[in-house]
C-alpha cells in the first residue's frame, strides 16, 4: 500500500532522515519505534508533504508511492483525497469548535451528505463518549477525549491508510489501553491500514504486525513484534526489562564501586 524509498529530509543544514526506506502492506498495523529525535514524526510529515507547505527546505531525493502512485510531488490536500489520513502529535483539535464541528471538518474533501452522516455515526460507534459531548467545545475535553476526537476527525476523510503520531502521549495507562483497543477495531472492522508512531514500545509491539526501529534518522532494525520483543537491546533500552547481560554488568559495576 505504501512504499517509501530512500527519502531524506533536512531542517536547513541538518539532515533529519538518512535514506529511509520501508513498505506497508494493506491491512497491517505497522509501528515506527524509537526515542525522541529519532525521526519518527519527520517521516510522517514528509509523507504528508507538510514540510513543503511550511516552506521548509527539503532536497528532491527519494520517492513515496501510495497504492502504486507517486505522492512525493503532490500537495497535502491531494494526498488526503487519495486516502491517507493523519493524526498529528498533540492532537491539535480546534479548541473553540464543538465536538461535532471538529468531526465534520474532517470531511472537508467530501460533498456526499448521506455518506458523511453515516460516517459520523461510525465515529460515534467507535467513540461513544464523543456522541455524549456533541455540543461541547473541544478545548474543554480531557486529553484522552481530544485524542479520540482527533482520530474520529481523521476517519471522516475515509482513509485507506491512517497515520497516528504518538496516540498515547500524555494519557494514563488505562486510557492508553482503550485508545489502542479502538485503533485495533478501526483496523479490523473498517479495514483501515495503520502506520503508528509510538514511544510506548510495549503497547506498539502488542498491537502491530510489523515494526521498524529508528535511531538518528536511520532504520536500524525491522522485524515482527514477537522477534523484537526477545531482542536483548530492545528489552533493556525500550521495554525496561533487565537482561542477564545487563544484570551481570551492573553487578560488576557495584563490585568496582564497593572497593574504591
Protein backbone atom coordinates (compact mmCIF):
# COMPACT_ATOMS: atom_id res chain seq x y z
CA UNK A 1 0.00 0.00 0.00
CA UNK A 2 2.79 2.43 0.94
CA UNK A 3 6.34 2.28 -0.37
CA UNK A 4 8.93 4.74 0.95
CA UNK A 5 12.22 4.60 -0.92
CA UNK A 6 15.45 6.31 0.17
CA UNK A 7 13.90 9.57 1.40
CA UNK A 8 15.95 12.31 3.00
CA UNK A 9 14.60 15.29 4.92
CA UNK A 10 16.57 18.32 6.05
CA UNK A 11 15.96 21.07 8.59
CA UNK A 12 18.01 23.83 6.98
CA UNK A 13 21.54 22.33 7.07
CA UNK A 14 20.68 19.44 9.40
CA UNK A 15 19.75 16.11 7.80
CA UNK A 16 16.97 14.53 9.86
CA UNK A 17 16.34 11.43 7.72
CA UNK A 18 19.19 9.45 6.15
CA UNK A 19 17.86 7.41 3.22
CA UNK A 20 14.77 5.93 4.90
CA UNK A 21 13.11 3.00 3.09
CA UNK A 22 10.20 0.83 4.22
CA UNK A 23 6.94 -0.71 2.99
CA UNK A 24 3.47 -1.23 4.44
CA UNK A 25 1.10 -3.93 3.25
CA UNK A 26 -2.63 -3.35 3.07
CA UNK A 27 -4.47 -4.34 6.25
CA UNK A 28 -1.41 -4.23 8.52
CA UNK A 29 -0.64 -2.22 11.63
CA UNK A 30 2.97 -1.08 11.30
CA UNK A 31 4.86 0.68 14.10
CA UNK A 32 7.71 3.18 13.85
CA UNK A 33 9.63 2.98 17.12
CA UNK A 34 12.47 4.98 18.60
CA UNK A 35 13.42 7.60 21.15
CA UNK A 36 12.80 11.34 20.93
CA UNK A 37 14.56 12.87 17.96
CA UNK A 38 14.92 9.58 16.09
CA UNK A 39 12.96 10.92 13.11
CA UNK A 40 9.57 9.25 13.56
CA UNK A 41 7.41 12.36 13.30
CA UNK A 42 9.59 13.70 10.48
CA UNK A 43 8.76 10.58 8.42
CA UNK A 44 5.01 11.17 8.78
CA UNK A 45 5.31 14.86 7.92
CA UNK A 46 7.45 14.02 4.91
CA UNK A 47 4.84 11.53 3.65
CA UNK A 48 2.11 14.17 4.10
CA UNK A 49 4.26 16.84 2.40
CA UNK A 50 3.78 19.15 5.36
CA UNK A 51 7.34 20.43 5.16
CA UNK A 52 6.71 21.70 1.64
CA UNK A 53 3.59 23.52 2.74
CA UNK A 54 5.56 25.11 5.58
CA UNK A 55 8.32 26.03 3.11
CA UNK A 56 10.99 24.08 4.98
CA UNK A 57 13.83 23.40 2.57
CA UNK A 58 13.99 19.75 1.55
CA UNK A 59 16.12 18.17 -1.20
CA UNK A 60 14.40 16.37 -4.06
CA UNK A 61 15.60 12.93 -3.07
CA UNK A 62 13.74 9.65 -2.66
CA UNK A 63 10.25 8.55 -3.69
CA UNK A 64 7.00 7.76 -1.90
CA UNK A 65 4.28 5.64 -3.52
CA UNK A 66 0.74 5.09 -2.26
CA UNK A 67 -1.43 2.46 -3.93
CA UNK A 68 1.05 2.36 -6.82
CA UNK A 69 1.06 6.13 -7.43
CA UNK A 70 3.83 8.55 -6.51
CA UNK A 71 2.72 11.12 -3.96
CA UNK A 72 6.05 12.78 -3.14
CA UNK A 73 5.27 15.63 -5.54
CA UNK A 74 1.60 16.05 -4.66
CA UNK A 75 0.02 18.57 -2.27
CA UNK A 76 -1.14 17.59 1.20
CA UNK A 77 -4.74 18.13 0.12
CA UNK A 78 -4.32 15.74 -2.82
CA UNK A 79 -2.71 13.10 -0.58
CA UNK A 80 -5.67 13.26 1.82
CA UNK A 81 -8.09 12.91 -1.09
CA UNK A 82 -6.21 9.80 -2.26
CA UNK A 83 -6.90 8.12 1.08
CA UNK A 84 -4.14 9.00 3.58
CA UNK A 85 -5.32 10.21 6.98
CA UNK A 86 -3.09 11.86 9.57
CA UNK A 87 -3.49 12.41 13.32
CA UNK A 88 -0.70 14.76 14.45
CA UNK A 89 1.22 14.60 17.69
CA UNK A 90 -0.55 16.61 20.39
CA UNK A 91 -3.97 16.04 18.76
CA UNK A 92 -4.37 19.66 17.52
CA UNK A 93 -8.16 19.82 17.71
CA UNK A 94 -9.90 23.15 17.15
CA UNK A 95 -10.50 24.12 20.80
CA UNK A 96 -13.29 26.68 20.30
CA UNK A 97 -15.27 24.44 17.94
CA UNK A 98 -17.69 21.82 19.21
CA UNK A 99 -17.06 18.10 19.01
CA UNK A 100 -19.46 17.77 16.07
CA UNK A 101 -17.85 20.71 14.25
CA UNK A 102 -14.40 19.17 14.68
CA UNK A 103 -15.60 15.84 13.34
CA UNK A 104 -17.37 17.47 10.39
CA UNK A 105 -14.21 19.41 9.46
CA UNK A 106 -12.58 16.03 8.78
CA UNK A 107 -14.96 15.59 5.84
CA UNK A 108 -13.90 18.83 4.11
CA UNK A 109 -12.81 16.90 1.00
CA UNK A 110 -16.28 15.37 0.57
CA UNK A 111 -19.74 16.55 -0.53
CA UNK A 112 -21.81 13.36 -0.09
CA UNK A 113 -24.11 14.42 2.75
CA UNK A 114 -25.65 10.99 3.31
CA UNK A 115 -22.24 9.33 3.45
CA UNK A 116 -20.91 11.97 5.82
CA UNK A 117 -23.87 11.40 8.13
CA UNK A 118 -23.22 7.64 8.15
CA UNK A 119 -19.53 8.16 8.87
CA UNK A 120 -20.30 10.49 11.78
CA UNK A 121 -22.37 7.67 13.27
CA UNK A 122 -19.47 5.29 12.65
CA UNK A 123 -17.17 7.64 14.58
CA UNK A 124 -19.68 7.69 17.44
CA UNK A 125 -19.78 3.88 17.37
CA UNK A 126 -16.01 3.78 17.86
CA UNK A 127 -16.06 6.62 20.42
CA UNK A 128 -19.42 6.68 22.26
CA UNK A 129 -18.21 9.40 24.61
CA UNK A 130 -17.99 11.82 21.66
CA UNK A 131 -21.69 11.36 20.99
CA UNK A 132 -22.40 12.38 24.58
CA UNK A 133 -20.25 15.52 24.12
CA UNK A 134 -21.53 16.54 20.67
CA UNK A 135 -22.08 20.21 21.53
CA UNK A 136 -19.16 20.60 23.96
CA UNK A 137 -16.21 22.76 23.00
CA UNK A 138 -13.22 20.57 22.18
CA UNK A 139 -10.89 22.69 24.31
CA UNK A 140 -12.84 21.73 27.45
CA UNK A 141 -12.30 17.99 26.94
CA UNK A 142 -9.67 15.81 28.60
CA UNK A 143 -6.52 14.74 26.75
CA UNK A 144 -7.91 11.27 26.12
CA UNK A 145 -11.18 12.63 24.76
CA UNK A 146 -9.30 15.03 22.49
CA UNK A 147 -7.23 12.13 21.18
CA UNK A 148 -10.43 10.24 20.37
CA UNK A 149 -11.77 13.35 18.65
CA UNK A 150 -8.61 13.76 16.57
CA UNK A 151 -8.81 10.13 15.39
CA UNK A 152 -12.53 10.50 14.67
CA UNK A 153 -11.88 13.65 12.65
CA UNK A 154 -9.26 11.82 10.56
CA UNK A 155 -11.66 8.94 9.89
CA UNK A 156 -14.12 11.34 8.27
CA UNK A 157 -11.93 11.57 5.16
CA UNK A 158 -12.41 7.78 4.73
CA UNK A 159 -8.70 6.98 4.78
CA UNK A 160 -7.32 3.74 3.42
CA UNK A 161 -4.14 4.42 5.43
CA UNK A 162 -4.30 6.18 8.81
CA UNK A 163 -1.08 7.57 10.26
CA UNK A 164 -1.08 8.19 14.02
CA UNK A 165 1.64 10.22 15.76
CA UNK A 166 2.03 9.32 19.46
CA UNK A 167 -1.63 8.47 20.22
CA UNK A 168 -0.76 7.59 23.84
CA UNK A 169 1.11 10.86 24.55
CA UNK A 170 0.09 12.26 27.94
CA UNK A 171 -2.54 9.59 28.58
CA UNK A 172 -2.97 7.36 31.61
CA UNK A 173 -2.24 3.62 31.21
CA UNK A 174 -5.97 2.87 31.28
CA UNK A 175 -6.76 5.37 28.51
CA UNK A 176 -3.75 4.18 26.52
CA UNK A 177 -5.13 0.63 26.52
CA UNK A 178 -8.54 1.96 25.47
CA UNK A 179 -7.13 4.03 22.60
CA UNK A 180 -5.05 1.13 21.28
CA UNK A 181 -8.03 -1.22 21.50
CA UNK A 182 -10.08 1.22 19.40
CA UNK A 183 -7.24 1.54 16.88
CA UNK A 184 -7.27 -2.24 16.54
CA UNK A 185 -11.04 -2.17 15.96
CA UNK A 186 -10.66 0.51 13.27
CA UNK A 187 -8.09 -1.69 11.56
CA UNK A 188 -10.20 -4.86 11.71
CA UNK A 189 -13.76 -3.54 11.36
CA UNK A 190 -13.21 -0.66 8.94
CA UNK A 191 -10.32 -2.26 7.04
CA UNK A 192 -8.04 0.74 7.61
CA UNK A 193 -4.29 0.15 7.40
CA UNK A 194 -2.40 1.80 10.28
CA UNK A 195 1.04 3.43 10.44
CA UNK A 196 1.75 4.08 14.09
CA UNK A 197 4.45 6.30 15.62
CA UNK A 198 4.77 5.47 19.30
CA UNK A 199 7.24 5.79 22.17
CA UNK A 200 5.32 3.27 24.25
CA UNK A 201 7.18 0.36 22.65
CA UNK A 202 5.44 -2.30 24.71
CA UNK A 203 1.97 -1.22 23.52
CA UNK A 204 3.11 -0.70 19.94
CA UNK A 205 4.60 -4.20 19.75
CA UNK A 206 1.47 -5.68 21.31
CA UNK A 207 -0.86 -4.29 18.64
CA UNK A 208 1.30 -4.13 15.49
CA UNK A 209 2.04 -6.75 12.82
CA UNK A 210 5.46 -5.36 11.96
CA UNK A 211 7.80 -2.74 13.39
CA UNK A 212 10.74 -0.57 12.35
CA UNK A 213 13.20 0.78 14.92
CA UNK A 214 14.75 4.18 14.20
CA UNK A 215 17.89 5.77 15.60
CA UNK A 216 19.25 9.14 14.49
CA UNK A 217 17.21 9.25 11.31
CA UNK A 218 18.05 5.71 10.19
CA UNK A 219 16.18 2.41 10.36
CA UNK A 220 18.38 0.05 12.38
CA UNK A 221 16.01 -2.89 12.93
CA UNK A 222 12.91 -4.24 11.23
CA UNK A 223 11.04 -7.38 12.20
CA UNK A 224 7.87 -8.91 13.57
CA UNK A 225 6.90 -7.84 17.12
CA UNK A 226 7.46 -11.28 18.63
CA UNK A 227 11.05 -11.25 17.35
CA UNK A 228 11.81 -7.72 18.53
CA UNK A 229 10.39 -8.44 21.99
CA UNK A 230 13.08 -11.08 22.51
CA UNK A 231 15.94 -8.82 21.40
CA UNK A 232 18.21 -8.12 24.38
CA UNK A 233 18.85 -4.47 23.49
CA UNK A 234 15.17 -3.71 22.95
CA UNK A 235 14.28 -5.43 26.20
CA UNK A 236 16.79 -3.37 28.13
CA UNK A 237 16.56 0.05 26.48
CA UNK A 238 12.95 0.22 25.30
CA UNK A 239 10.95 -2.22 27.43
CA UNK A 240 12.80 -1.67 30.70
CA UNK A 241 13.44 -5.38 31.20
CA UNK A 242 16.78 -6.28 32.76
CA UNK A 243 18.59 -8.92 30.73
CA UNK A 244 21.13 -11.42 32.07
CA UNK A 245 23.92 -9.45 30.40
CA UNK A 246 22.82 -6.14 31.89
CA UNK A 247 22.45 -7.67 35.37
CA UNK A 248 25.97 -9.09 35.19
CA UNK A 249 27.29 -5.72 34.06
CA UNK A 250 25.54 -3.97 36.93
CA UNK A 251 26.97 -6.43 39.45
CA UNK A 252 30.48 -5.85 38.09
CA UNK A 253 29.94 -2.11 38.40
CA UNK A 254 28.75 -2.46 42.01
CA UNK A 255 31.84 -4.52 42.91
CA UNK A 256 34.12 -1.84 41.47
CA UNK A 257 32.34 0.90 43.40
CA UNK A 258 32.50 -1.08 46.64
CA UNK A 259 36.28 -1.48 46.56
CA UNK A 260 37.17 2.11 45.64
